[in-house]
Amino acid sequence: MQDFIKIHENDKVVVALKTIPQGETLTVEVQGETRQITALEEIPAGHKMAICDISAGEEIVKYGSRIGNAKEDIQAGQWIHTHNIKTALGDLLEYTYEPVKQTEPPADGWDSEAGKEGQEATFLGYNRPDGKVGVRNEIWIIPTVGCVNNVAQAIARQAAIWKIAQGDKYSEVGEIIAFPHPYGCSQMGDDQEHTRRILADLINHPNAGGVLVLGLGCENSNIDVLKPYIGEYDENRVKFVVSQECDDEIAESLEVIKGLMDYAAGFKREPISAGRLVIGMKCGGSDGLSGITANPLVGRFSDKLISLGGTTILTEVPEMFGAETILMNRCASRELFDQTVNLINDFKNYFKSHNQTIYENPSPGNKKGGISTLEDKSLGCTQKSGSAPVRGVLQYGDRVETAGLNLLSAPGNDLVAATALAAAGAHIVLFTTGRGTPFACPVPTVKISTNSGLAGRKSNWIDFNAGVLVEGKTMEEMTEALFCYVVEVASGRWVRSETAGFHDMAIFKQGVTL
C-alpha cells in the first residue's frame, strides 16, 4: 500500500493513506518536477500535507480545484486542516453556463468486447403491470399520520408471524414492512405538500408488491386527501384502512394483508435488462478517502449503468456547494443548467431564511477523517456523479422520468436524503461511508466503505469494500465487481441492513408544526 496519493496534477497537497510520521521524506511530482518533501509534523491518515509553500490567502488546491484559502503562511511538509485553511465560499452566486464537451460512453459500452457483454447484462426482477420493474416484492404498510405508527408496526409484526406459519406458500413475497413517520397532520403549506408527495411516491414504488395505506381518519393528510397524489392505482395492489372506521383496525388490516400477499405471490422473478435499474447515490460519515476510493468508484459505476441505458440519482444539495459548477457545466441543455442553478440557490436561500451559515457543513466525524472545508467535502462528494451529462433535475418529491444522471433536491441528512432517493424511484441506494452507519432506507441500501479498516471492523454494516483501491486493486476491476454486486442485490441478494431487519423512512421537515 502506498503512503500517500496526489489526486490531480495541479494539487498543492497530497493525502496521507496511512499516518506519515514527522521527519519522513516523500518523493512527489510538483509542477512537473520530482521533489523530496519532508513531513514537518505528523500527518494523520486521510489528512492533507502541503507539497509546496502556500502564502496566507492563497488558494489551496485538491482534486484540481480550490478547497479553501490558507489562513496563514504554510510550508511544504506541513499538515493542512481546519487550523490553517478556511472556506472561500460565500452566499448566492452568479453562474455562467460553460458546457463541457460531453464524453458519454459509447452505446456499446466502454470497449467493443465489454460493450457486447454489457448489453446482455440482466438482473432477476419483477415486471409490474404498469410497466415498472421492482427488485423486491415486499408488502409495505404506509401510515398517513404518526398517530397510527404503533398500529402499523403491530400489524407488520403479526402479519410476519402469520406468513411464517403458512410455510412456502408465500415464498415469492418478501418482508412485511411498516414505515412509521411523525407527520401527516399539523402541517401547513409546502411542508404538508411534501409529506403527501413522499407518501404517494412510496405507495407507487415498484419494490412493493402490495401496499396497505393505514389512516387514522381525522388527519390533514387523510386517505381521501392523499388519493389524488397517488393517482391511478391497481386496486388489487393498494388497499386502504381507516382506523377510526373499524371496530378492530389490526384484525381488519391483517385480513387485508392476506389478500395483498395472495396478489403479490403471483409475481415471479424474471430476467430484466440492467438498463431498467434506477440507482440512488449518497454518502455519509465521510473521511479523507471518500473522494479517492468509494465516491469515484460509484461514479464509474454510474457511468457504466448509464451506458447501458440505466438511471442514477445524485442528491444532498448542500454537499454540492463549492463543486456545483462542475455539475452545472455538465448539464445537457441550458434549461437544465438554469434548473441546477435554482437547485443550488434555492437551498442556499433555505439556509439563509433560517439564519444559518451556508458553508458550515462538515461534521466532527468528517473533520476527524481529514475533511477540512465544505469545498473539500463537496468535491469529494460529487465524484459519485461520474462523468455523464446531467439529464434531469428533480425537486423534492419528484419521481424520476429521464434516463441518465439526475440531480435531486434534498438535504445532506442521511435518512432524509436516502428516503428522497427511494421516493424518486431508486430501486437501490449506494451509500458510501468512511466511518460506517447501520441505517437503511425503504429500498436496499448498499454500504460501501472507503477504507478496509472499516470493512473489517464493521462487517455487520458494510456490504462492499472500496478501500482496496489503495491496496493494489484497479478502478476497472472494482467497477466491474461493484456492478456485479449490484446486479446480485437487484436479483434478490440481501444487503447487511436487510439481514438485520433495518428499514428507515424520514421526511424532510420544512415548516411550522401547529
Protein backbone atom coordinates (compact mmCIF):
# COMPACT_ATOMS: atom_id res chain seq x y z
CA MET A 1 0.00 0.00 0.00
CA GLN A 2 1.36 3.42 -0.95
CA ASP A 3 1.89 6.06 1.74
CA PHE A 4 0.08 8.94 0.03
CA ILE A 5 -1.80 9.97 -3.10
CA LYS A 6 -1.75 13.10 -5.22
CA ILE A 7 -5.19 13.21 -6.79
CA HIS A 8 -4.67 15.81 -9.55
CA GLU A 9 -1.50 17.05 -11.23
CA ASN A 10 -2.28 20.63 -10.18
CA ASP A 11 -2.83 19.83 -6.50
CA LYS A 12 -0.84 21.65 -3.84
CA VAL A 13 -1.44 18.83 -1.35
CA VAL A 14 -1.16 15.08 -1.08
CA VAL A 15 -3.46 12.90 1.03
CA ALA A 16 -1.88 10.52 3.52
CA LEU A 17 -3.11 6.96 3.04
CA LYS A 18 -1.59 5.99 6.36
CA THR A 19 -0.15 8.13 9.13
CA ILE A 20 3.03 9.83 7.94
CA PRO A 21 5.47 10.36 10.85
CA GLN A 22 7.20 13.69 11.36
CA GLY A 23 10.53 13.66 9.54
CA GLU A 24 9.55 11.13 6.86
CA THR A 25 10.52 12.21 3.35
CA LEU A 26 8.18 11.74 0.39
CA THR A 27 9.04 11.80 -3.31
CA VAL A 28 6.37 13.88 -5.05
CA GLU A 29 5.81 15.38 -8.50
CA VAL A 30 5.32 19.15 -8.07
CA GLN A 31 4.79 21.34 -11.13
CA GLY A 32 6.44 18.79 -13.36
CA GLU A 33 9.46 18.30 -11.10
CA THR A 34 10.29 15.43 -8.78
CA ARG A 35 10.84 16.82 -5.29
CA GLN A 36 11.70 15.44 -1.87
CA ILE A 37 9.21 16.77 0.71
CA THR A 38 9.84 16.11 4.40
CA ALA A 39 6.86 15.99 6.77
CA LEU A 40 7.33 18.80 9.27
CA GLU A 41 4.77 17.24 11.61
CA GLU A 42 2.78 14.04 11.83
CA ILE A 43 0.14 13.79 9.10
CA PRO A 44 -2.82 11.61 10.18
CA ALA A 45 -4.22 9.07 7.71
CA GLY A 46 -6.78 10.69 5.40
CA HIS A 47 -5.40 14.18 6.02
CA LYS A 48 -3.57 16.60 3.74
CA MET A 49 0.08 17.64 3.59
CA ALA A 50 1.33 20.68 1.68
CA ILE A 51 3.78 19.85 -1.11
CA CYS A 52 4.72 23.45 -1.84
CA ASP A 53 4.90 26.69 0.10
CA ILE A 54 1.48 28.40 0.26
CA SER A 55 1.14 32.07 1.24
CA ALA A 56 -1.59 33.38 3.54
CA GLY A 57 -4.74 33.99 1.47
CA GLU A 58 -3.55 31.75 -1.36
CA GLU A 59 -5.82 29.05 -2.76
CA ILE A 60 -5.27 25.50 -1.54
CA VAL A 61 -5.89 23.07 -4.39
CA LYS A 62 -7.09 19.45 -4.13
CA TYR A 63 -8.95 17.46 -6.82
CA GLY A 64 -7.54 20.12 -9.15
CA SER A 65 -9.89 22.70 -7.60
CA ARG A 66 -9.87 25.18 -4.74
CA ILE A 67 -10.89 23.71 -1.40
CA GLY A 68 -10.31 26.96 0.53
CA ASN A 69 -7.70 29.60 1.26
CA ALA A 70 -4.75 29.49 3.61
CA LYS A 71 -5.31 31.32 6.91
CA GLU A 72 -1.55 31.79 7.30
CA ASP A 73 1.69 31.02 5.52
CA ILE A 74 2.08 27.26 5.11
CA GLN A 75 5.37 25.49 4.38
CA ALA A 76 5.81 22.42 2.22
CA GLY A 77 5.54 19.43 4.55
CA GLN A 78 3.02 20.99 6.94
CA TRP A 79 -0.29 19.41 7.90
CA ILE A 80 -3.23 21.27 6.32
CA HIS A 81 -6.50 21.15 8.20
CA THR A 82 -9.08 23.37 9.89
CA HIS A 83 -6.40 25.23 11.89
CA ASN A 84 -4.81 26.76 8.78
CA ILE A 85 -7.41 26.61 5.99
CA LYS A 86 -10.72 28.45 5.69
CA THR A 87 -13.60 28.14 3.27
CA ALA A 88 -13.74 30.51 0.32
CA LEU A 89 -17.47 30.07 -0.15
CA GLY A 90 -19.91 32.95 0.02
CA ASP A 91 -23.66 33.35 -0.30
CA LEU A 92 -25.65 33.46 -3.56
CA LEU A 93 -23.54 33.49 -6.71
CA GLU A 94 -23.99 34.36 -10.35
CA TYR A 95 -23.27 31.42 -12.66
CA THR A 96 -22.37 31.26 -16.36
CA TYR A 97 -23.18 28.21 -18.46
CA GLU A 98 -19.90 26.91 -19.84
CA PRO A 99 -20.82 23.45 -21.11
CA VAL A 100 -18.00 20.96 -21.24
CA LYS A 101 -17.59 18.71 -24.23
CA GLN A 102 -19.71 15.69 -23.45
CA THR A 103 -17.80 12.43 -23.19
CA GLU A 104 -20.62 9.94 -22.79
CA PRO A 105 -19.63 6.28 -23.02
CA PRO A 106 -20.45 4.89 -26.48
CA ALA A 107 -23.67 2.98 -26.96
CA ASP A 108 -21.79 -0.34 -27.00
CA GLY A 109 -20.10 0.26 -23.66
CA TRP A 110 -16.53 1.16 -22.69
CA ASP A 111 -14.99 -1.01 -25.41
CA SER A 112 -16.30 -3.39 -28.03
CA GLU A 113 -15.92 -6.62 -26.03
CA ALA A 114 -17.11 -5.19 -22.70
CA GLY A 115 -19.95 -3.50 -24.53
CA LYS A 116 -21.16 -6.72 -26.10
CA GLU A 117 -21.24 -8.34 -22.67
CA GLY A 118 -22.74 -5.25 -21.03
CA GLN A 119 -25.66 -5.03 -23.40
CA GLU A 120 -26.70 -8.50 -22.26
CA ALA A 121 -26.49 -7.60 -18.57
CA THR A 122 -29.70 -8.56 -16.80
CA PHE A 123 -31.00 -8.93 -13.28
CA LEU A 124 -33.81 -11.12 -11.97
CA GLY A 125 -36.58 -8.73 -11.07
CA TYR A 126 -40.33 -8.27 -11.06
CA ASN A 127 -42.23 -6.90 -14.03
CA ARG A 128 -45.23 -4.87 -12.85
CA PRO A 129 -48.49 -4.43 -14.78
CA ASP A 130 -47.93 -0.68 -15.08
CA GLY A 131 -44.65 -1.21 -16.94
CA LYS A 132 -42.37 -0.56 -13.96
CA VAL A 133 -39.92 -3.09 -12.57
CA GLY A 134 -39.05 -3.94 -8.98
CA VAL A 135 -36.08 -5.58 -7.28
CA ARG A 136 -38.12 -6.63 -4.23
CA ASN A 137 -41.65 -7.99 -3.84
CA GLU A 138 -42.49 -6.76 -0.37
CA ILE A 139 -45.67 -5.76 1.46
CA TRP A 140 -45.46 -2.17 2.66
CA ILE A 141 -47.63 -0.55 5.33
CA ILE A 142 -47.68 3.23 4.88
CA PRO A 143 -49.24 5.27 7.73
CA THR A 144 -50.82 8.54 6.64
CA VAL A 145 -50.09 10.10 10.03
CA GLY A 146 -47.82 9.49 13.01
CA CYS A 147 -50.79 8.72 15.27
CA VAL A 148 -51.07 5.22 13.80
CA ASN A 149 -47.35 4.37 13.76
CA ASN A 150 -47.58 1.82 16.57
CA VAL A 151 -50.63 0.23 14.98
CA ALA A 152 -48.77 -0.10 11.67
CA GLN A 153 -45.81 -1.75 13.37
CA ALA A 154 -48.06 -4.13 15.30
CA ILE A 155 -49.77 -5.13 12.05
CA ALA A 156 -46.39 -5.78 10.39
CA ARG A 157 -45.24 -7.99 13.28
CA GLN A 158 -48.42 -10.04 13.40
CA ALA A 159 -48.57 -10.39 9.62
CA ALA A 160 -44.97 -11.62 9.54
CA ILE A 161 -45.77 -14.29 12.14
CA TRP A 162 -48.83 -15.37 10.13
CA LYS A 163 -46.76 -15.55 6.94
CA ILE A 164 -44.17 -17.84 8.55
CA ALA A 165 -46.97 -20.15 9.67
CA GLN A 166 -48.02 -20.62 6.02
CA GLY A 167 -44.78 -22.41 5.12
CA ASP A 168 -43.66 -21.97 1.50
CA LYS A 169 -46.98 -20.65 0.23
CA TYR A 170 -45.70 -17.07 0.08
CA SER A 171 -42.03 -17.78 -0.67
CA GLU A 172 -42.09 -15.24 -3.51
CA VAL A 173 -43.31 -12.49 -1.16
CA GLY A 174 -40.62 -10.57 0.69
CA GLU A 175 -40.73 -8.80 4.02
CA ILE A 176 -43.78 -7.09 5.51
CA ILE A 177 -42.57 -3.63 6.49
CA ALA A 178 -44.17 -0.67 8.25
CA PHE A 179 -42.73 2.79 7.61
CA PRO A 180 -43.59 4.98 10.62
CA HIS A 181 -43.09 8.75 10.49
CA PRO A 182 -44.22 11.67 12.71
CA TYR A 183 -46.04 13.70 10.03
CA GLY A 184 -49.34 13.83 8.14
CA CYS A 185 -51.09 16.36 10.39
CA SER A 186 -50.48 19.77 11.98
CA GLN A 187 -48.52 20.82 8.90
CA MET A 188 -49.01 23.77 6.59
CA GLY A 189 -48.24 24.79 3.02
CA ASP A 190 -45.31 23.19 1.22
CA ASP A 191 -44.37 21.23 4.33
CA GLN A 192 -47.63 19.31 4.16
CA GLU A 193 -47.42 19.02 0.37
CA HIS A 194 -44.01 17.40 0.62
CA THR A 195 -45.27 14.84 3.12
CA ARG A 196 -48.16 13.89 0.85
CA ARG A 197 -45.90 13.59 -2.17
CA ILE A 198 -43.36 11.39 -0.41
CA LEU A 199 -46.08 9.08 0.95
CA ALA A 200 -47.66 8.84 -2.51
CA ASP A 201 -44.26 8.14 -4.09
CA LEU A 202 -43.65 5.25 -1.71
CA ILE A 203 -47.15 3.85 -2.27
CA ASN A 204 -46.36 3.78 -6.00
CA HIS A 205 -42.87 2.29 -5.63
CA PRO A 206 -42.44 -0.93 -7.66
CA ASN A 207 -40.40 -2.68 -4.94
CA ALA A 208 -43.71 -3.11 -3.09
CA GLY A 209 -45.81 -5.96 -4.46
CA GLY A 210 -48.68 -4.85 -2.21
CA VAL A 211 -49.37 -1.76 -0.11
CA LEU A 212 -51.65 -1.13 2.85
CA VAL A 213 -52.29 2.59 3.40
CA LEU A 214 -53.25 2.95 7.06
CA GLY A 215 -55.07 6.14 8.05
CA LEU A 216 -56.48 7.48 11.29
CA GLY A 217 -59.43 9.37 9.82
CA CYS A 218 -59.25 12.93 11.14
CA GLU A 219 -55.74 13.89 9.97
CA ASN A 220 -54.99 16.62 7.42
CA SER A 221 -53.42 14.11 5.04
CA ASN A 222 -56.22 11.58 5.35
CA ILE A 223 -56.76 8.89 2.75
CA ASP A 224 -59.30 10.84 0.69
CA VAL A 225 -56.90 13.79 0.55
CA LEU A 226 -53.97 11.53 -0.30
CA LYS A 227 -55.62 9.63 -3.17
CA PRO A 228 -55.20 12.41 -5.79
CA TYR A 229 -51.47 12.41 -5.03
CA ILE A 230 -51.34 8.65 -5.55
CA GLY A 231 -53.08 8.91 -8.91
CA GLU A 232 -54.27 5.82 -10.75
CA TYR A 233 -53.51 2.63 -8.88
CA ASP A 234 -54.13 -1.11 -9.08
CA GLU A 235 -56.95 -1.85 -6.61
CA ASN A 236 -55.54 -5.34 -6.11
CA ARG A 237 -52.17 -3.91 -5.10
CA VAL A 238 -53.13 -0.89 -2.96
CA LYS A 239 -55.65 -1.18 -0.12
CA PHE A 240 -56.85 1.35 2.45
CA VAL A 241 -57.90 1.04 6.09
CA VAL A 242 -59.24 3.97 8.16
CA SER A 243 -58.68 3.15 11.82
CA GLN A 244 -61.49 5.32 13.19
CA GLU A 245 -63.96 3.47 10.97
CA CYS A 246 -63.01 -0.03 12.24
CA ASP A 247 -64.03 -1.93 15.33
CA ASP A 248 -60.58 -3.56 15.31
CA GLU A 249 -58.16 -1.92 12.88
CA ILE A 250 -55.45 -4.53 13.47
CA ALA A 251 -57.71 -7.50 12.75
CA GLU A 252 -59.16 -5.80 9.65
CA SER A 253 -55.71 -4.85 8.39
CA LEU A 254 -54.45 -8.39 8.80
CA GLU A 255 -57.25 -9.67 6.59
CA VAL A 256 -56.40 -7.02 4.00
CA ILE A 257 -52.73 -8.00 4.07
CA LYS A 258 -53.58 -11.64 3.47
CA GLY A 259 -55.26 -10.54 0.24
CA LEU A 260 -52.27 -8.39 -0.70
CA MET A 261 -49.98 -11.36 -0.15
CA ASP A 262 -52.11 -13.52 -2.44
CA TYR A 263 -51.77 -10.83 -5.09
CA ALA A 264 -48.01 -10.32 -4.61
CA ALA A 265 -47.40 -14.08 -4.69
CA GLY A 266 -48.40 -14.04 -8.35
CA PHE A 267 -45.20 -12.21 -9.32
CA LYS A 268 -42.07 -14.20 -10.14
CA ARG A 269 -38.52 -13.05 -10.76
CA GLU A 270 -37.57 -12.97 -14.43
CA PRO A 271 -34.65 -11.60 -16.47
CA ILE A 272 -34.84 -7.84 -16.98
CA SER A 273 -32.30 -5.57 -18.67
CA ALA A 274 -29.93 -3.88 -16.23
CA GLY A 275 -30.72 -0.71 -18.14
CA ARG A 276 -34.08 -0.61 -16.32
CA LEU A 277 -32.37 -0.08 -12.96
CA VAL A 278 -32.62 3.22 -11.10
CA ILE A 279 -29.83 3.66 -8.53
CA GLY A 280 -29.60 6.39 -5.89
CA MET A 281 -26.19 7.69 -4.77
CA LYS A 282 -25.47 9.07 -1.29
CA CYS A 283 -22.56 9.41 1.11
CA GLY A 284 -22.33 9.89 4.87
CA GLY A 285 -19.79 9.65 7.64
CA SER A 286 -17.21 10.66 5.02
CA ASP A 287 -13.47 10.64 5.57
CA GLY A 288 -10.32 11.65 3.72
CA LEU A 289 -10.56 8.61 1.44
CA SER A 290 -14.19 9.14 0.41
CA GLY A 291 -13.25 11.23 -2.63
CA ILE A 292 -10.39 8.88 -3.52
CA THR A 293 -11.91 5.39 -3.28
CA ALA A 294 -15.64 4.86 -2.76
CA ASN A 295 -17.07 8.00 -4.36
CA PRO A 296 -15.06 7.78 -7.61
CA LEU A 297 -15.93 4.07 -7.75
CA VAL A 298 -19.64 4.87 -7.52
CA GLY A 299 -19.07 7.48 -10.23
CA ARG A 300 -17.58 4.87 -12.52
CA PHE A 301 -20.47 2.54 -11.70
CA SER A 302 -22.90 5.35 -12.59
CA ASP A 303 -21.20 5.87 -15.95
CA LYS A 304 -21.33 2.15 -16.68
CA LEU A 305 -25.02 1.81 -15.79
CA ILE A 306 -25.90 4.91 -17.83
CA SER A 307 -24.00 3.50 -20.82
CA LEU A 308 -26.43 0.55 -20.67
CA GLY A 309 -29.46 2.84 -20.63
CA GLY A 310 -29.82 2.96 -16.85
CA THR A 311 -30.53 5.81 -14.46
CA THR A 312 -28.72 7.23 -11.44
CA ILE A 313 -29.76 9.97 -9.00
CA LEU A 314 -27.38 12.22 -7.06
CA THR A 315 -28.69 14.23 -4.12
CA GLU A 316 -27.60 16.07 -0.89
CA VAL A 317 -27.52 19.56 -2.42
CA PRO A 318 -25.59 21.28 0.44
CA GLU A 319 -22.73 18.91 -0.37
CA MET A 320 -22.62 20.26 -3.91
CA PHE A 321 -21.74 23.77 -2.67
CA GLY A 322 -18.24 24.54 -3.90
CA ALA A 323 -18.40 21.91 -6.64
CA GLU A 324 -21.70 22.96 -8.23
CA THR A 325 -20.15 24.46 -11.37
CA ILE A 326 -18.76 21.02 -12.28
CA LEU A 327 -22.32 19.68 -12.38
CA MET A 328 -23.76 22.83 -13.99
CA ASN A 329 -21.34 22.67 -16.90
CA ARG A 330 -22.21 19.02 -17.49
CA CYS A 331 -25.89 19.87 -17.94
CA ALA A 332 -27.11 18.63 -21.31
CA SER A 333 -29.03 21.86 -22.03
CA ARG A 334 -29.31 25.48 -20.95
CA GLU A 335 -32.70 24.68 -19.42
CA LEU A 336 -31.13 22.02 -17.18
CA PHE A 337 -28.35 24.45 -16.29
CA ASP A 338 -30.94 27.01 -15.16
CA GLN A 339 -32.75 24.34 -13.14
CA THR A 340 -29.47 23.36 -11.46
CA VAL A 341 -28.72 26.99 -10.60
CA ASN A 342 -32.15 27.18 -8.97
CA LEU A 343 -31.48 23.87 -7.19
CA ILE A 344 -28.36 25.35 -5.60
CA ASN A 345 -29.64 28.84 -4.86
CA ASP A 346 -32.98 27.64 -3.51
CA PHE A 347 -31.12 25.56 -0.95
CA LYS A 348 -28.84 28.45 -0.06
CA ASN A 349 -31.92 30.63 0.47
CA TYR A 350 -33.36 27.88 2.69
CA PHE A 351 -30.26 28.19 4.89
CA LYS A 352 -30.44 31.99 4.88
CA SER A 353 -34.17 32.01 5.72
CA HIS A 354 -33.32 30.17 8.93
CA ASN A 355 -30.36 32.47 9.66
CA GLN A 356 -27.89 29.64 9.22
CA THR A 357 -24.40 29.77 7.70
CA ILE A 358 -24.41 28.28 4.22
CA TYR A 359 -20.95 26.75 4.29
CA GLU A 360 -20.90 25.28 7.84
CA ASN A 361 -21.38 21.66 6.82
CA PRO A 362 -18.55 19.19 7.61
CA SER A 363 -19.43 17.24 10.76
CA PRO A 364 -17.00 16.47 13.61
CA GLY A 365 -16.58 12.99 12.15
CA ASN A 366 -15.83 14.42 8.70
CA LYS A 367 -13.15 16.68 10.17
CA LYS A 368 -11.60 13.88 12.19
CA GLY A 369 -11.38 11.87 8.97
CA GLY A 370 -9.49 14.62 7.17
CA ILE A 371 -12.17 16.82 5.53
CA SER A 372 -11.40 20.46 6.30
CA THR A 373 -13.95 22.63 4.44
CA LEU A 374 -17.24 22.28 2.64
CA GLU A 375 -15.43 22.62 -0.70
CA ASP A 376 -13.19 19.70 0.34
CA LYS A 377 -16.28 17.66 1.20
CA SER A 378 -18.27 18.67 -1.89
CA LEU A 379 -15.50 17.99 -4.40
CA GLY A 380 -15.22 14.50 -2.93
CA CYS A 381 -18.98 14.04 -2.73
CA THR A 382 -19.64 14.93 -6.38
CA GLN A 383 -17.18 12.26 -7.52
CA LYS A 384 -20.22 9.96 -7.25
CA SER A 385 -21.70 11.66 -10.34
CA GLY A 386 -19.06 10.18 -12.64
CA SER A 387 -18.63 11.93 -15.98
CA ALA A 388 -22.03 11.55 -17.68
CA PRO A 389 -24.12 14.59 -18.65
CA VAL A 390 -26.88 15.76 -16.33
CA ARG A 391 -30.16 14.72 -17.97
CA GLY A 392 -32.70 15.60 -15.28
CA VAL A 393 -33.16 17.91 -12.28
CA LEU A 394 -35.76 16.87 -9.70
CA GLN A 395 -37.45 18.82 -6.95
CA TYR A 396 -38.02 17.14 -3.59
CA GLY A 397 -40.83 14.62 -4.03
CA ASP A 398 -40.48 14.38 -7.83
CA ARG A 399 -40.27 10.96 -9.45
CA VAL A 400 -37.52 10.30 -11.95
CA GLU A 401 -38.66 10.28 -15.58
CA THR A 402 -35.46 10.68 -17.61
CA ALA A 403 -32.80 8.00 -18.02
CA GLY A 404 -29.22 9.01 -17.28
CA LEU A 405 -27.81 11.15 -14.48
CA ASN A 406 -30.38 13.10 -12.44
CA LEU A 407 -29.89 15.66 -9.65
CA LEU A 408 -32.41 15.62 -6.79
CA SER A 409 -33.15 18.39 -4.30
CA ALA A 410 -32.75 17.04 -0.75
CA PRO A 411 -30.58 17.88 2.28
CA GLY A 412 -27.41 16.09 3.29
CA ASN A 413 -29.07 14.30 6.24
CA ASP A 414 -28.57 10.59 5.59
CA LEU A 415 -32.05 9.32 6.40
CA VAL A 416 -33.91 12.19 4.75
CA ALA A 417 -31.81 12.15 1.57
CA ALA A 418 -31.87 8.36 1.19
CA THR A 419 -35.66 8.33 1.65
CA ALA A 420 -35.93 11.05 -1.01
CA LEU A 421 -33.92 8.86 -3.39
CA ALA A 422 -36.26 5.93 -2.79
CA ALA A 423 -39.31 8.17 -3.24
CA ALA A 424 -37.86 9.44 -6.52
CA GLY A 425 -37.85 5.86 -7.80
CA ALA A 426 -34.46 4.42 -6.85
CA HIS A 427 -34.59 0.63 -6.61
CA ILE A 428 -31.34 0.55 -4.61
CA VAL A 429 -29.26 3.22 -2.85
CA LEU A 430 -25.45 3.08 -2.91
CA PHE A 431 -24.21 4.67 0.31
CA THR A 432 -20.51 5.37 0.65
CA THR A 433 -19.04 5.86 4.11
CA GLY A 434 -15.68 6.21 5.80
CA ARG A 435 -16.94 5.84 9.36
CA GLY A 436 -19.91 3.50 8.95
CA THR A 437 -23.61 3.55 9.79
CA PRO A 438 -26.26 0.84 10.31
CA PHE A 439 -29.26 2.76 8.92
CA ALA A 440 -31.31 1.79 5.87
CA CYS A 441 -33.95 3.49 3.75
CA PRO A 442 -37.12 1.99 2.23
CA VAL A 443 -35.09 0.26 -0.51
CA PRO A 444 -31.95 -1.92 -0.25
CA THR A 445 -29.16 0.36 1.00
CA VAL A 446 -25.69 -0.84 -0.02
CA LYS A 447 -22.96 0.38 2.37
CA ILE A 448 -19.65 0.90 0.57
CA SER A 449 -16.65 1.51 2.81
CA THR A 450 -13.92 3.93 1.79
CA ASN A 451 -11.26 2.02 3.73
CA SER A 452 -10.51 -1.61 4.54
CA GLY A 453 -10.24 -0.94 8.27
CA LEU A 454 -13.92 -0.05 8.47
CA ALA A 455 -14.90 -3.01 6.30
CA GLY A 456 -13.03 -5.33 8.66
CA ARG A 457 -14.34 -3.82 11.90
CA LYS A 458 -17.98 -3.43 10.88
CA SER A 459 -18.67 -6.39 8.62
CA ASN A 460 -22.22 -6.38 10.02
CA TRP A 461 -22.74 -2.95 8.43
CA ILE A 462 -20.54 -2.89 5.32
CA ASP A 463 -21.56 -4.64 2.09
CA PHE A 464 -18.72 -3.70 -0.26
CA ASN A 465 -15.14 -2.54 0.38
CA ALA A 466 -13.75 0.17 -1.90
CA GLY A 467 -10.71 0.58 0.34
CA VAL A 468 -8.82 -2.00 -1.72
CA LEU A 469 -8.42 0.67 -4.41
CA VAL A 470 -5.40 1.99 -2.48
CA GLU A 471 -4.12 -1.54 -1.88
CA GLY A 472 -3.46 -2.63 -5.45
CA LYS A 473 -6.89 -3.18 -6.97
CA THR A 474 -7.63 -1.20 -10.13
CA MET A 475 -10.64 1.04 -10.69
CA GLU A 476 -11.62 -1.05 -13.73
CA GLU A 477 -11.80 -4.34 -11.85
CA MET A 478 -13.58 -2.79 -8.87
CA THR A 479 -16.13 -1.11 -11.13
CA GLU A 480 -16.94 -4.49 -12.62
CA ALA A 481 -17.07 -6.05 -9.14
CA LEU A 482 -19.47 -3.38 -7.86
CA PHE A 483 -21.65 -3.67 -10.95
CA CYS A 484 -21.90 -7.44 -10.49
CA TYR A 485 -22.70 -6.98 -6.79
CA VAL A 486 -25.50 -4.51 -7.54
CA VAL A 487 -26.96 -6.95 -10.08
CA GLU A 488 -26.93 -9.63 -7.36
CA VAL A 489 -28.73 -7.30 -4.94
CA ALA A 490 -31.26 -6.40 -7.63
CA SER A 491 -31.78 -10.14 -8.16
CA GLY A 492 -32.62 -10.76 -4.52
CA ARG A 493 -29.37 -10.88 -2.53
CA TRP A 494 -29.96 -9.18 0.83
CA VAL A 495 -27.70 -6.39 2.00
CA ARG A 496 -26.50 -6.22 5.61
CA SER A 497 -29.24 -3.85 6.79
CA GLU A 498 -31.93 -6.13 5.35
CA THR A 499 -30.42 -9.10 7.16
CA ALA A 500 -30.56 -7.03 10.36
CA GLY A 501 -34.20 -6.11 9.70
CA PHE A 502 -33.49 -2.37 9.44
CA HIS A 503 -35.86 -0.19 7.38
CA ASP A 504 -35.95 3.56 7.94
CA MET A 505 -38.01 6.37 6.46
CA ALA A 506 -37.57 10.10 7.13
CA ILE A 507 -39.43 13.02 5.57
CA PHE A 508 -37.88 16.48 5.16
CA LYS A 509 -39.48 18.77 7.78
CA GLN A 510 -39.56 22.30 6.35
CA GLY A 511 -42.34 24.20 8.10
CA VAL A 512 -44.08 25.04 11.36
CA THR A 513 -45.93 22.49 13.44
CA LEU A 514 -49.42 23.56 14.52
